[in-house]
Amino acid sequence: MNSILVFLAQCLTASTPLVLAALGGTLSERAGVATIALEGYLLVGAFSAAWGALATGSSIAACAIALISGALMGALFALSTVTLRANAIVAGVAINLFAGASTRVALKVLYDSASNSPPLLARAPRTGSIGVVSMLEALSQPVFYLALVAVAVVLVIVRSTPLGMRIEAAGEHPEALSARGVSVDRTRWIALVLGGALAGLGGAHLSLAQHEFDGDFSRWPR
């Protein structure tokens, strides 16, 4: 029983950032822009969350900062691919390389380390079996619950709202969307920024669950 709880806790911890990144990628793909920049979004979100947690002592503030940083990375990707018409694959590779290099530099400048940040919010002491402690730790992460909400919200958006229909039309029938007087570029911008924000929030879970930022977070599995 103990090993089962440990396994479930590891699944919850590992799947949360993947779910949020997948939601971000889904919005981008439905809008007609292929993205391989999700690794960069996660990495920047993870670093931003670590910085926010160290600066404010609040996991909620860390999540908000990660969400904003992810949105900014999504905006950078949208600027490259939608406005400047750069190749999406090339732009995605550039975003990933930029994220990997910039977080390493920021670690060195801010914390005098090229590998990891100082420890984040301290774990609350728990007693009991390893399995129970692991489950409680996994279920105490705010991003886990935000991911559940995000899945429901994105599902409603893509299936039941005008914005979702516009995003799908931007990917499937951009000429028809433009003929209706709706800007395809603006619709894609919205999808990419929202997708970046979700993936950035996923990155926050990486740092908060591990109680530090590790420069090798993007080298999965962990």
C-alpha atoms as a PDB file:
ATOM      1  CA  MET A   1       0.000   0.000   0.000  1.00  0.00           C
ATOM      2  CA  ASN A   2       2.833   2.336   0.877  1.00  0.00           C
ATOM      3  CA  SER A   3       4.538   1.807  -2.507  1.00  0.00           C
ATOM      4  CA  ILE A   4       1.238   2.416  -4.305  1.00  0.00           C
ATOM      5  CA  LEU A   5       0.805   5.778  -2.561  1.00  0.00           C
ATOM      6  CA  VAL A   6       4.374   6.743  -3.435  1.00  0.00           C
ATOM      7  CA  PHE A   7       3.739   5.796  -7.070  1.00  0.00           C
ATOM      8  CA  LEU A   8       0.502   7.806  -7.200  1.00  0.00           C
ATOM      9  CA  ALA A   9       2.219  10.808  -5.634  1.00  0.00           C
ATOM     10  CA  GLN A  10       4.984  10.651  -8.238  1.00  0.00           C
ATOM     11  CA  CYS A  11       2.392  10.430 -11.015  1.00  0.00           C
ATOM     12  CA  LEU A  12       0.551  13.496  -9.733  1.00  0.00           C
ATOM     13  CA  THR A  13       3.778  15.458  -9.376  1.00  0.00           C
ATOM     14  CA  ALA A  14       5.091  14.501 -12.828  1.00  0.00           C
ATOM     15  CA  SER A  15       1.819  14.852 -14.718  1.00  0.00           C
ATOM     16  CA  THR A  16       0.781  18.327 -13.536  1.00  0.00           C
ATOM     17  CA  PRO A  17       3.319  20.336 -15.597  1.00  0.00           C
ATOM     18  CA  LEU A  18       2.773  18.009 -18.561  1.00  0.00           C
ATOM     19  CA  VAL A  19      -0.982  18.579 -18.482  1.00  0.00           C
ATOM     20  CA  LEU A  20      -0.586  22.362 -18.417  1.00  0.00           C
ATOM     21  CA  ALA A  21       2.017  22.316 -21.190  1.00  0.00           C
ATOM     22  CA  ALA A  22      -0.254  20.066 -23.265  1.00  0.00           C
ATOM     23  CA  LEU A  23      -3.120  22.538 -22.831  1.00  0.00           C
ATOM     24  CA  GLY A  24      -0.869  25.335 -24.026  1.00  0.00           C
ATOM     25  CA  GLY A  25       0.237  23.299 -27.012  1.00  0.00           C
ATOM     26  CA  THR A  26      -3.377  22.423 -27.813  1.00  0.00           C
ATOM     27  CA  LEU A  27      -4.392  26.074 -28.022  1.00  0.00           C
ATOM     28  CA  SER A  28      -1.436  26.838 -30.266  1.00  0.00           C
ATOM     29  CA  GLU A  29      -2.048  23.881 -32.570  1.00  0.00           C
ATOM     30  CA  ARG A  30      -5.774  24.618 -32.850  1.00  0.00           C
ATOM     31  CA  ALA A  31      -4.890  28.153 -33.907  1.00  0.00           C
ATOM     32  CA  GLY A  32      -2.723  26.796 -36.708  1.00  0.00           C
ATOM     33  CA  VAL A  33       0.718  27.470 -35.242  1.00  0.00           C
ATOM     34  CA  ALA A  34       2.886  24.427 -34.524  1.00  0.00           C
ATOM     35  CA  THR A  35       4.900  24.905 -31.352  1.00  0.00           C
ATOM     36  CA  ILE A  36       7.906  23.110 -29.943  1.00  0.00           C
ATOM     37  CA  ALA A  37       8.595  26.002 -27.543  1.00  0.00           C
ATOM     38  CA  LEU A  38       6.811  24.364 -24.594  1.00  0.00           C
ATOM     39  CA  GLU A  39      10.104  23.336 -23.007  1.00  0.00           C
ATOM     40  CA  GLY A  40      11.192  26.969 -22.982  1.00  0.00           C
ATOM     41  CA  TYR A  41       7.882  28.100 -21.481  1.00  0.00           C
ATOM     42  CA  LEU A  42       8.191  25.534 -18.697  1.00  0.00           C
ATOM     43  CA  LEU A  43      11.788  26.448 -17.930  1.00  0.00           C
ATOM     44  CA  VAL A  44      11.120  30.191 -17.759  1.00  0.00           C
ATOM     45  CA  GLY A  45       7.992  29.582 -15.703  1.00  0.00           C
ATOM     46  CA  ALA A  46       9.943  27.385 -13.293  1.00  0.00           C
ATOM     47  CA  PHE A  47      12.664  29.996 -12.825  1.00  0.00           C
ATOM     48  CA  SER A  48      10.159  32.828 -12.449  1.00  0.00           C
ATOM     49  CA  ALA A  49       8.259  30.866  -9.810  1.00  0.00           C
ATOM     50  CA  ALA A  50      11.460  30.175  -7.896  1.00  0.00           C
ATOM     51  CA  TRP A  51      12.417  33.832  -8.004  1.00  0.00           C
ATOM     52  CA  GLY A  52       8.912  34.857  -6.948  1.00  0.00           C
ATOM     53  CA  ALA A  53       8.834  32.366  -4.066  1.00  0.00           C
ATOM     54  CA  LEU A  54      12.225  33.545  -2.808  1.00  0.00           C
ATOM     55  CA  ALA A  55      11.266  37.209  -3.164  1.00  0.00           C
ATOM     56  CA  THR A  56       7.783  37.054  -1.645  1.00  0.00           C
ATOM     57  CA  GLY A  57       7.636  33.848   0.391  1.00  0.00           C
ATOM     58  CA  SER A  58       4.285  33.055  -1.223  1.00  0.00           C
ATOM     59  CA  SER A  59       3.491  30.127  -3.510  1.00  0.00           C
ATOM     60  CA  ILE A  60       0.464  31.982  -4.891  1.00  0.00           C
ATOM     61  CA  ALA A  61       2.606  34.960  -5.874  1.00  0.00           C
ATOM     62  CA  ALA A  62       5.128  32.548  -7.408  1.00  0.00           C
ATOM     63  CA  CYS A  63       2.361  30.980  -9.527  1.00  0.00           C
ATOM     64  CA  ALA A  64       1.147  34.401 -10.672  1.00  0.00           C
ATOM     65  CA  ILE A  65       4.662  35.462 -11.676  1.00  0.00           C
ATOM     66  CA  ALA A  66       5.194  32.197 -13.562  1.00  0.00           C
ATOM     67  CA  LEU A  67       1.893  32.641 -15.387  1.00  0.00           C
ATOM     68  CA  ILE A  68       2.853  36.168 -16.453  1.00  0.00           C
ATOM     69  CA  SER A  69       6.333  35.108 -17.572  1.00  0.00           C
ATOM     70  CA  GLY A  70       4.836  32.268 -19.604  1.00  0.00           C
ATOM     71  CA  ALA A  71       2.426  34.698 -21.241  1.00  0.00           C
ATOM     72  CA  LEU A  72       5.355  36.954 -22.157  1.00  0.00           C
ATOM     73  CA  MET A  73       7.189  34.028 -23.722  1.00  0.00           C
ATOM     74  CA  GLY A  74       4.021  33.175 -25.642  1.00  0.00           C
ATOM     75  CA  ALA A  75       3.883  36.786 -26.820  1.00  0.00           C
ATOM     76  CA  LEU A  76       7.505  36.555 -27.981  1.00  0.00           C
ATOM     77  CA  PHE A  77       6.666  33.393 -29.918  1.00  0.00           C
ATOM     78  CA  ALA A  78       3.576  35.068 -31.407  1.00  0.00           C
ATOM     79  CA  LEU A  79       5.624  38.098 -32.423  1.00  0.00           C
ATOM     80  CA  SER A  80       8.091  35.849 -34.216  1.00  0.00           C
ATOM     81  CA  THR A  81       5.647  33.500 -35.936  1.00  0.00           C
ATOM     82  CA  VAL A  82       2.447  35.496 -36.407  1.00  0.00           C
ATOM     83  CA  THR A  83       3.620  39.085 -36.844  1.00  0.00           C
ATOM     84  CA  LEU A  84       7.078  38.563 -38.339  1.00  0.00           C
ATOM     85  CA  ARG A  85       6.109  35.316 -40.155  1.00  0.00           C
ATOM     86  CA  ALA A  86       9.143  33.362 -38.936  1.00  0.00           C
ATOM     87  CA  ASN A  87       9.126  29.595 -39.318  1.00  0.00           C
ATOM     88  CA  ALA A  88       7.381  28.168 -36.245  1.00  0.00           C
ATOM     89  CA  ILE A  89       9.852  25.302 -35.778  1.00  0.00           C
ATOM     90  CA  VAL A  90      12.880  27.577 -36.009  1.00  0.00           C
ATOM     91  CA  ALA A  91      11.264  30.088 -33.641  1.00  0.00           C
ATOM     92  CA  GLY A  92      10.417  27.298 -31.193  1.00  0.00           C
ATOM     93  CA  VAL A  93      13.998  26.050 -31.158  1.00  0.00           C
ATOM     94  CA  ALA A  94      15.209  29.611 -30.581  1.00  0.00           C
ATOM     95  CA  ILE A  95      12.793  30.061 -27.665  1.00  0.00           C
ATOM     96  CA  ASN A  96      14.039  26.844 -26.058  1.00  0.00           C
ATOM     97  CA  LEU A  97      17.687  27.816 -26.475  1.00  0.00           C
ATOM     98  CA  PHE A  98      16.994  31.314 -25.141  1.00  0.00           C
ATOM     99  CA  ALA A  99      15.174  29.918 -22.100  1.00  0.00           C
ATOM    100  CA  GLY A 100      17.956  27.485 -21.273  1.00  0.00           C
ATOM    101  CA  ALA A 101      20.703  30.100 -21.572  1.00  0.00           C
ATOM    102  CA  SER A 102      18.880  33.002 -19.912  1.00  0.00           C
ATOM    103  CA  THR A 103      17.850  31.011 -16.830  1.00  0.00           C
ATOM    104  CA  ARG A 104      21.429  29.835 -16.342  1.00  0.00           C
ATOM    105  CA  VAL A 105      22.697  33.423 -16.585  1.00  0.00           C
ATOM    106  CA  ALA A 106      19.994  34.637 -14.196  1.00  0.00           C
ATOM    107  CA  LEU A 107      20.915  31.915 -11.698  1.00  0.00           C
ATOM    108  CA  LYS A 108      24.539  33.038 -11.784  1.00  0.00           C
ATOM    109  CA  VAL A 109      23.717  36.736 -11.457  1.00  0.00           C
ATOM    110  CA  LEU A 110      21.068  36.421  -8.754  1.00  0.00           C
ATOM    111  CA  TYR A 111      22.226  33.404  -6.743  1.00  0.00           C
ATOM    112  CA  ASP A 112      25.852  32.872  -7.777  1.00  0.00           C
ATOM    113  CA  SER A 113      25.082  29.393  -9.059  1.00  0.00           C
ATOM    114  CA  ALA A 114      24.871  27.964 -12.558  1.00  0.00           C
ATOM    115  CA  SER A 115      22.899  24.883 -11.541  1.00  0.00           C
ATOM    116  CA  ASN A 116      20.158  25.570  -8.996  1.00  0.00           C
ATOM    117  CA  SER A 117      18.491  28.207  -6.845  1.00  0.00           C
ATOM    118  CA  PRO A 118      18.504  28.385  -3.045  1.00  0.00           C
ATOM    119  CA  PRO A 119      15.827  26.259  -1.320  1.00  0.00           C
ATOM    120  CA  LEU A 120      12.311  27.633  -1.696  1.00  0.00           C
ATOM    121  CA  LEU A 121       9.386  27.498   0.709  1.00  0.00           C
ATOM    122  CA  ALA A 122      10.171  25.053   3.512  1.00  0.00           C
ATOM    123  CA  ARG A 123       8.282  21.797   3.690  1.00  0.00           C
ATOM    124  CA  ALA A 124       5.883  21.526   6.601  1.00  0.00           C
ATOM    125  CA  PRO A 125       6.913  18.693   8.924  1.00  0.00           C
ATOM    126  CA  ARG A 126       4.765  15.582   8.466  1.00  0.00           C
ATOM    127  CA  THR A 127       4.595  12.297  10.277  1.00  0.00           C
ATOM    128  CA  GLY A 128       3.492   8.936   8.997  1.00  0.00           C
ATOM    129  CA  SER A 129       4.535   6.487   6.327  1.00  0.00           C
ATOM    130  CA  ILE A 130       6.516   7.592   3.294  1.00  0.00           C
ATOM    131  CA  GLY A 131       3.537   6.938   1.038  1.00  0.00           C
ATOM    132  CA  VAL A 132       1.159   9.100   3.074  1.00  0.00           C
ATOM    133  CA  VAL A 133       3.728  11.887   3.357  1.00  0.00           C
ATOM    134  CA  SER A 134       4.357  11.773  -0.405  1.00  0.00           C
ATOM    135  CA  MET A 135       0.628  11.970  -1.189  1.00  0.00           C
ATOM    136  CA  LEU A 136       0.098  14.858   1.213  1.00  0.00           C
ATOM    137  CA  GLU A 137       3.041  16.679  -0.330  1.00  0.00           C
ATOM    138  CA  ALA A 138       1.704  16.142  -3.861  1.00  0.00           C
ATOM    139  CA  LEU A 139      -1.812  17.238  -2.909  1.00  0.00           C
ATOM    140  CA  SER A 140      -0.541  20.344  -1.118  1.00  0.00           C
ATOM    141  CA  GLN A 141       0.734  21.927  -4.324  1.00  0.00           C
ATOM    142  CA  PRO A 142      -1.538  24.770  -5.526  1.00  0.00           C
ATOM    143  CA  VAL A 143      -0.685  24.201  -9.183  1.00  0.00           C
ATOM    144  CA  PHE A 144      -2.195  20.712  -9.030  1.00  0.00           C
ATOM    145  CA  TYR A 145      -5.624  22.190  -8.348  1.00  0.00           C
ATOM    146  CA  LEU A 146      -5.099  25.020 -10.820  1.00  0.00           C
ATOM    147  CA  ALA A 147      -4.331  22.384 -13.474  1.00  0.00           C
ATOM    148  CA  LEU A 148      -7.670  20.673 -12.810  1.00  0.00           C
ATOM    149  CA  VAL A 149      -9.469  23.991 -13.195  1.00  0.00           C
ATOM    150  CA  ALA A 150      -7.458  24.808 -16.333  1.00  0.00           C
ATOM    151  CA  VAL A 151      -8.493  21.552 -18.014  1.00  0.00           C
ATOM    152  CA  ALA A 152     -12.175  22.343 -17.457  1.00  0.00           C
ATOM    153  CA  VAL A 153     -11.819  25.989 -18.525  1.00  0.00           C
ATOM    154  CA  VAL A 154      -9.917  25.202 -21.721  1.00  0.00           C
ATOM    155  CA  LEU A 155     -12.440  22.494 -22.598  1.00  0.00           C
ATOM    156  CA  VAL A 156     -15.292  24.974 -22.228  1.00  0.00           C
ATOM    157  CA  ILE A 157     -13.427  27.634 -24.213  1.00  0.00           C
ATOM    158  CA  VAL A 158     -12.596  25.441 -27.204  1.00  0.00           C
ATOM    159  CA  ARG A 159     -16.003  23.762 -27.397  1.00  0.00           C
ATOM    160  CA  SER A 160     -18.563  26.295 -26.227  1.00  0.00           C
ATOM    161  CA  THR A 161     -17.374  29.870 -26.695  1.00  0.00           C
ATOM    162  CA  PRO A 162     -16.975  32.224 -29.665  1.00  0.00           C
ATOM    163  CA  LEU A 163     -13.271  32.543 -28.838  1.00  0.00           C
ATOM    164  CA  GLY A 164     -12.827  28.778 -29.098  1.00  0.00           C
ATOM    165  CA  MET A 165     -14.594  28.679 -32.447  1.00  0.00           C
ATOM    166  CA  ARG A 166     -12.425  31.530 -33.704  1.00  0.00           C
ATOM    167  CA  ILE A 167      -9.262  29.771 -32.562  1.00  0.00           C
ATOM    168  CA  GLU A 168     -10.303  26.608 -34.369  1.00  0.00           C
ATOM    169  CA  ALA A 169     -11.234  28.580 -37.481  1.00  0.00           C
ATOM    170  CA  ALA A 170      -7.841  30.331 -37.399  1.00  0.00           C
ATOM    171  CA  GLY A 171      -6.224  26.924 -37.701  1.00  0.00           C
ATOM    172  CA  GLU A 172      -8.663  25.147 -40.012  1.00  0.00           C
ATOM    173  CA  HIS A 173     -10.236  27.884 -42.156  1.00  0.00           C
ATOM    174  CA  PRO A 174      -8.347  31.186 -41.735  1.00  0.00           C
ATOM    175  CA  GLU A 175      -9.761  32.588 -44.991  1.00  0.00           C
ATOM    176  CA  ALA A 176     -13.316  32.061 -43.762  1.00  0.00           C
ATOM    177  CA  LEU A 177     -12.509  33.687 -40.447  1.00  0.00           C
ATOM    178  CA  SER A 178     -10.989  36.688 -42.181  1.00  0.00           C
ATOM    179  CA  ALA A 179     -14.015  36.943 -44.473  1.00  0.00           C
ATOM    180  CA  ARG A 180     -16.193  37.301 -41.353  1.00  0.00           C
ATOM    181  CA  GLY A 181     -14.199  40.352 -40.349  1.00  0.00           C
ATOM    182  CA  VAL A 182     -12.220  38.651 -37.566  1.00  0.00           C
ATOM    183  CA  SER A 183      -8.453  39.142 -37.489  1.00  0.00           C
ATOM    184  CA  VAL A 184      -6.676  35.808 -37.854  1.00  0.00           C
ATOM    185  CA  ASP A 185      -3.450  37.249 -36.479  1.00  0.00           C
ATOM    186  CA  ARG A 186      -5.138  38.660 -33.384  1.00  0.00           C
ATOM    187  CA  THR A 187      -6.880  35.337 -32.744  1.00  0.00           C
ATOM    188  CA  ARG A 188      -3.582  33.481 -33.016  1.00  0.00           C
ATOM    189  CA  TRP A 189      -1.933  35.980 -30.695  1.00  0.00           C
ATOM    190  CA  ILE A 190      -4.595  35.320 -28.063  1.00  0.00           C
ATOM    191  CA  ALA A 191      -4.183  31.548 -28.386  1.00  0.00           C
ATOM    192  CA  LEU A 192      -0.382  31.676 -28.170  1.00  0.00           C
ATOM    193  CA  VAL A 193      -0.308  34.028 -25.188  1.00  0.00           C
ATOM    194  CA  LEU A 194      -2.877  31.938 -23.319  1.00  0.00           C
ATOM    195  CA  GLY A 195      -0.940  28.786 -24.179  1.00  0.00           C
ATOM    196  CA  GLY A 196       2.297  30.313 -22.934  1.00  0.00           C
ATOM    197  CA  ALA A 197       0.639  31.360 -19.680  1.00  0.00           C
ATOM    198  CA  LEU A 198      -0.616  27.822 -19.043  1.00  0.00           C
ATOM    199  CA  ALA A 199       2.768  26.268 -19.778  1.00  0.00           C
ATOM    200  CA  GLY A 200       4.484  28.846 -17.572  1.00  0.00           C
ATOM    201  CA  LEU A 201       2.157  27.859 -14.750  1.00  0.00           C
ATOM    202  CA  GLY A 202       3.190  24.259 -15.345  1.00  0.00           C
ATOM    203  CA  GLY A 203       6.781  25.350 -14.895  1.00  0.00           C
ATOM    204  CA  ALA A 204       5.876  26.813 -11.513  1.00  0.00           C
ATOM    205  CA  HIS A 205       4.910  23.332 -10.361  1.00  0.00           C
ATOM    206  CA  LEU A 206       8.378  22.029 -11.213  1.00  0.00           C
ATOM    207  CA  SER A 207      10.040  24.485  -8.826  1.00  0.00           C
ATOM    208  CA  LEU A 208       7.416  24.452  -6.081  1.00  0.00           C
ATOM    209  CA  ALA A 209       7.183  20.649  -5.945  1.00  0.00           C
ATOM    210  CA  GLN A 210      10.987  20.272  -5.809  1.00  0.00           C
ATOM    211  CA  HIS A 211      11.428  23.317  -3.527  1.00  0.00           C
ATOM    212  CA  GLU A 212      14.118  24.709  -5.817  1.00  0.00           C
ATOM    213  CA  PHE A 213      14.812  25.635  -9.416  1.00  0.00           C
ATOM    214  CA  ASP A 214      17.148  23.266 -11.202  1.00  0.00           C
ATOM    215  CA  GLY A 215      18.738  24.333 -14.468  1.00  0.00           C
ATOM    216  CA  ASP A 216      18.246  20.770 -15.755  1.00  0.00           C
ATOM    217  CA  PHE A 217      14.465  20.717 -15.221  1.00  0.00           C
ATOM    218  CA  SER A 218      13.911  20.465 -18.955  1.00  0.00           C
ATOM    219  CA  ARG A 219      15.857  17.203 -19.138  1.00  0.00           C
ATOM    220  CA  TRP A 220      12.985  14.848 -18.421  1.00  0.00           C
ATOM    221  CA  PRO A 221      12.084  12.392 -17.068  1.00  0.00           C
ATOM    222  CA  ARG A 222      12.749  13.517 -13.479  1.00  0.00           C
END
